[in-house]
Amino acid sequence: MALITDLGGLTSNSYNTQTEIEAYFTGHPYAAGWTYNEGRAIYATTLLDSLVAWFGYKWDYRQAREFPRAVYMNTEDRLALGFEIPVLPVEIKNAQCELDLYIFKNSTSLLPSNNLDSVKVGPLEVNFNQDAPGGQELLPAIVQGMVKKWGTVKRSGNGATISNVVRG
């Protein structure tokens, strides 16, 4: 499967092209040994979209990815920003790359192990440990820092969960 990066596209699966991802890691101080992997790049995008409650709403409800957004809430400046054209903030592109690197280095520890009680593959079933401490972060700190002005990172465990609510 090739990376599809059409902004607002119906079949987009990545925020960055292969060239952009490889350029990001050129000279990156913690990317020793990192190699490009298409599946990992797509997975990083999927995790990013799934683990952050993004401010605003999709530019077009039919688009495959969470960005572009029609309205952003920049929490650092406390400004609601409406855009005339679809925009993809550079922090989101960079966050995808950093999450790709995190997955590369920590492929077996994406979820806190004490939260997961059991997994069943067919039909899919996931059970979480109800006694696990709540509120553990699912994204690395660097990714959280990059996305914080564009959304709220969801938490695992028994802590509160942030969800988007859309009125019809």
Protein backbone atom coordinates (compact mmCIF):
# COMPACT_ATOMS: atom_id res chain seq x y z
CA MET A 1 0.00 0.00 0.00
CA ALA A 2 1.41 3.37 -0.99
CA LEU A 3 1.24 6.50 1.13
CA ILE A 4 -1.70 8.66 0.09
CA THR A 5 -1.27 12.22 1.32
CA ASP A 6 -4.06 14.15 -0.42
CA LEU A 7 -5.10 16.79 2.13
CA GLY A 8 -8.74 16.06 2.93
CA GLY A 9 -8.78 13.08 0.57
CA LEU A 10 -11.27 10.25 0.85
CA THR A 11 -8.51 7.61 0.86
CA SER A 12 -5.60 9.48 2.48
CA ASN A 13 -3.58 7.40 4.92
CA SER A 14 -0.66 9.66 5.86
CA TYR A 15 0.09 13.30 6.62
CA ASN A 16 3.59 13.04 5.11
CA THR A 17 5.08 11.66 1.94
CA GLN A 18 8.00 9.25 2.10
CA THR A 19 10.30 12.09 1.01
CA GLU A 20 9.03 14.35 3.81
CA ILE A 21 9.45 11.61 6.43
CA GLU A 22 12.98 10.79 5.31
CA ALA A 23 13.88 14.52 5.22
CA TYR A 24 12.54 14.95 8.78
CA PHE A 25 14.92 12.29 10.07
CA THR A 26 17.97 13.60 8.21
CA GLY A 27 20.25 14.75 11.00
CA HIS A 28 17.70 13.86 13.71
CA PRO A 29 19.75 13.25 16.87
CA TYR A 30 17.73 10.21 18.04
CA ALA A 31 17.06 8.49 14.73
CA ALA A 32 20.15 6.26 14.63
CA GLY A 33 19.20 2.98 12.99
CA TRP A 34 15.78 4.27 11.90
CA THR A 35 14.68 3.11 8.46
CA TYR A 36 11.62 4.10 6.49
CA ASN A 37 8.68 1.70 6.68
CA GLU A 38 5.45 2.49 4.86
CA GLY A 39 3.22 0.42 7.14
CA ARG A 40 4.67 2.07 10.23
CA ALA A 41 4.11 5.55 8.74
CA ILE A 42 0.45 4.72 8.09
CA TYR A 43 0.08 3.20 11.55
CA ALA A 44 1.59 6.32 13.16
CA THR A 45 -0.99 8.46 11.35
CA THR A 46 -3.82 6.18 12.46
CA LEU A 47 -2.66 6.24 16.09
CA LEU A 48 -2.30 10.02 16.00
CA ASP A 49 -5.84 10.43 14.67
CA SER A 50 -7.22 7.91 17.16
CA LEU A 51 -5.46 9.01 20.35
CA VAL A 52 -6.09 12.75 20.18
CA ALA A 53 -9.45 14.50 20.52
CA TRP A 54 -8.86 17.22 17.95
CA PHE A 55 -10.36 20.68 18.36
CA GLY A 56 -12.92 21.77 15.80
CA TYR A 57 -14.29 19.38 13.22
CA LYS A 58 -13.24 17.80 9.95
CA TRP A 59 -13.07 20.09 6.93
CA ASP A 60 -15.21 17.55 5.06
CA TYR A 61 -17.00 14.79 6.95
CA ARG A 62 -16.08 12.31 4.20
CA GLN A 63 -12.30 12.75 4.49
CA ALA A 64 -10.33 9.75 5.70
CA ARG A 65 -8.01 11.54 8.15
CA GLU A 66 -8.77 13.97 10.99
CA PHE A 67 -6.99 16.83 9.21
CA PRO A 68 -7.63 19.27 7.75
CA ARG A 69 -9.98 20.75 10.37
CA ALA A 70 -12.52 23.47 9.60
CA VAL A 71 -12.00 25.22 12.94
CA TYR A 72 -9.01 24.99 15.24
CA MET A 73 -8.77 26.09 18.83
CA ASN A 74 -5.24 27.22 19.51
CA THR A 75 -5.08 26.70 23.28
CA GLU A 76 -1.81 28.57 23.71
CA ASP A 77 -3.32 31.77 22.35
CA ARG A 78 -6.94 30.92 23.26
CA LEU A 79 -8.02 31.83 19.75
CA ALA A 80 -10.59 30.14 17.58
CA LEU A 81 -9.15 30.06 14.10
CA GLY A 82 -11.35 29.53 11.07
CA PHE A 83 -9.58 28.86 7.80
CA GLU A 84 -10.67 29.77 4.27
CA ILE A 85 -8.64 26.88 2.82
CA PRO A 86 -7.70 23.46 4.21
CA VAL A 87 -4.54 23.66 6.31
CA LEU A 88 -2.30 21.00 7.85
CA PRO A 89 -0.24 22.41 10.73
CA VAL A 90 3.46 21.52 10.61
CA GLU A 91 3.20 20.26 14.22
CA ILE A 92 0.85 17.48 13.05
CA LYS A 93 3.23 16.45 10.27
CA ASN A 94 6.14 16.42 12.73
CA ALA A 95 4.10 14.51 15.31
CA GLN A 96 3.49 11.74 12.77
CA CYS A 97 7.24 11.44 12.21
CA GLU A 98 8.04 11.40 15.93
CA LEU A 99 5.37 8.77 16.55
CA ASP A 100 6.84 6.70 13.69
CA LEU A 101 10.23 6.88 15.45
CA TYR A 102 8.65 5.96 18.79
CA ILE A 103 6.96 2.91 17.23
CA PHE A 104 10.27 1.92 15.60
CA LYS A 105 12.05 2.01 18.97
CA ASN A 106 9.21 0.67 21.16
CA SER A 107 7.15 -1.59 18.93
CA THR A 108 6.20 -3.90 21.79
CA SER A 109 5.18 -1.26 24.32
CA LEU A 110 2.64 1.01 22.67
CA LEU A 111 0.06 0.42 25.39
CA PRO A 112 0.95 0.39 29.07
CA SER A 113 1.18 -3.32 29.85
CA ASN A 114 -0.61 -3.09 33.19
CA ASN A 115 -3.75 -1.71 31.52
CA LEU A 116 -4.29 -4.62 29.16
CA ASP A 117 -5.88 -7.67 30.76
CA SER A 118 -6.51 -9.79 27.65
CA VAL A 119 -6.77 -9.65 23.87
CA LYS A 120 -8.75 -12.03 21.68
CA VAL A 121 -8.25 -11.87 17.93
CA GLY A 122 -11.32 -13.44 16.37
CA PRO A 123 -13.81 -11.89 16.72
CA LEU A 124 -11.87 -8.94 18.11
CA GLU A 125 -12.08 -8.47 21.88
CA VAL A 126 -9.95 -6.31 24.18
CA ASN A 127 -10.31 -6.30 27.98
CA PHE A 128 -8.67 -3.67 30.14
CA ASN A 129 -7.50 -4.23 33.70
CA GLN A 130 -10.00 -2.33 35.84
CA ASP A 131 -7.52 -2.19 38.74
CA ALA A 132 -4.79 -0.49 36.71
CA PRO A 133 -3.93 3.07 37.64
CA GLY A 134 -5.91 5.44 35.46
CA GLY A 135 -4.85 8.28 33.30
CA GLN A 136 -1.72 6.87 31.68
CA GLU A 137 -0.56 8.60 28.53
CA LEU A 138 -0.67 6.63 25.29
CA LEU A 139 1.52 9.01 23.26
CA PRO A 140 5.14 9.91 24.00
CA ALA A 141 5.80 13.32 25.57
CA ILE A 142 7.34 14.82 22.44
CA VAL A 143 4.23 14.00 20.38
CA GLN A 144 1.98 15.37 23.11
CA GLY A 145 3.93 18.61 23.06
CA MET A 146 3.58 18.91 19.30
CA VAL A 147 -0.18 18.39 19.23
CA LYS A 148 -1.24 20.17 22.44
CA LYS A 149 -2.44 23.35 20.78
CA TRP A 150 -4.51 21.39 18.23
CA GLY A 151 -6.17 18.79 20.45
CA THR A 152 -6.30 16.95 23.77
CA VAL A 153 -4.43 13.67 24.16
CA LYS A 154 -6.71 10.85 25.25
CA ARG A 155 -5.71 8.85 28.31
CA SER A 156 -5.99 5.16 29.14
CA GLY A 157 -7.07 3.28 32.22
CA ASN A 158 -9.76 4.35 34.64
CA GLY A 159 -9.09 8.06 34.17
CA ALA A 160 -11.42 10.39 32.33
CA THR A 161 -11.58 10.06 28.56
CA ILE A 162 -12.00 12.99 26.20
CA SER A 163 -14.42 12.50 23.31
CA ASN A 164 -15.76 14.72 20.58
CA VAL A 165 -19.48 15.32 20.68
CA VAL A 166 -21.24 16.34 17.49
CA ARG A 167 -24.80 17.59 17.50
CA GLY A 168 -26.95 16.66 14.53
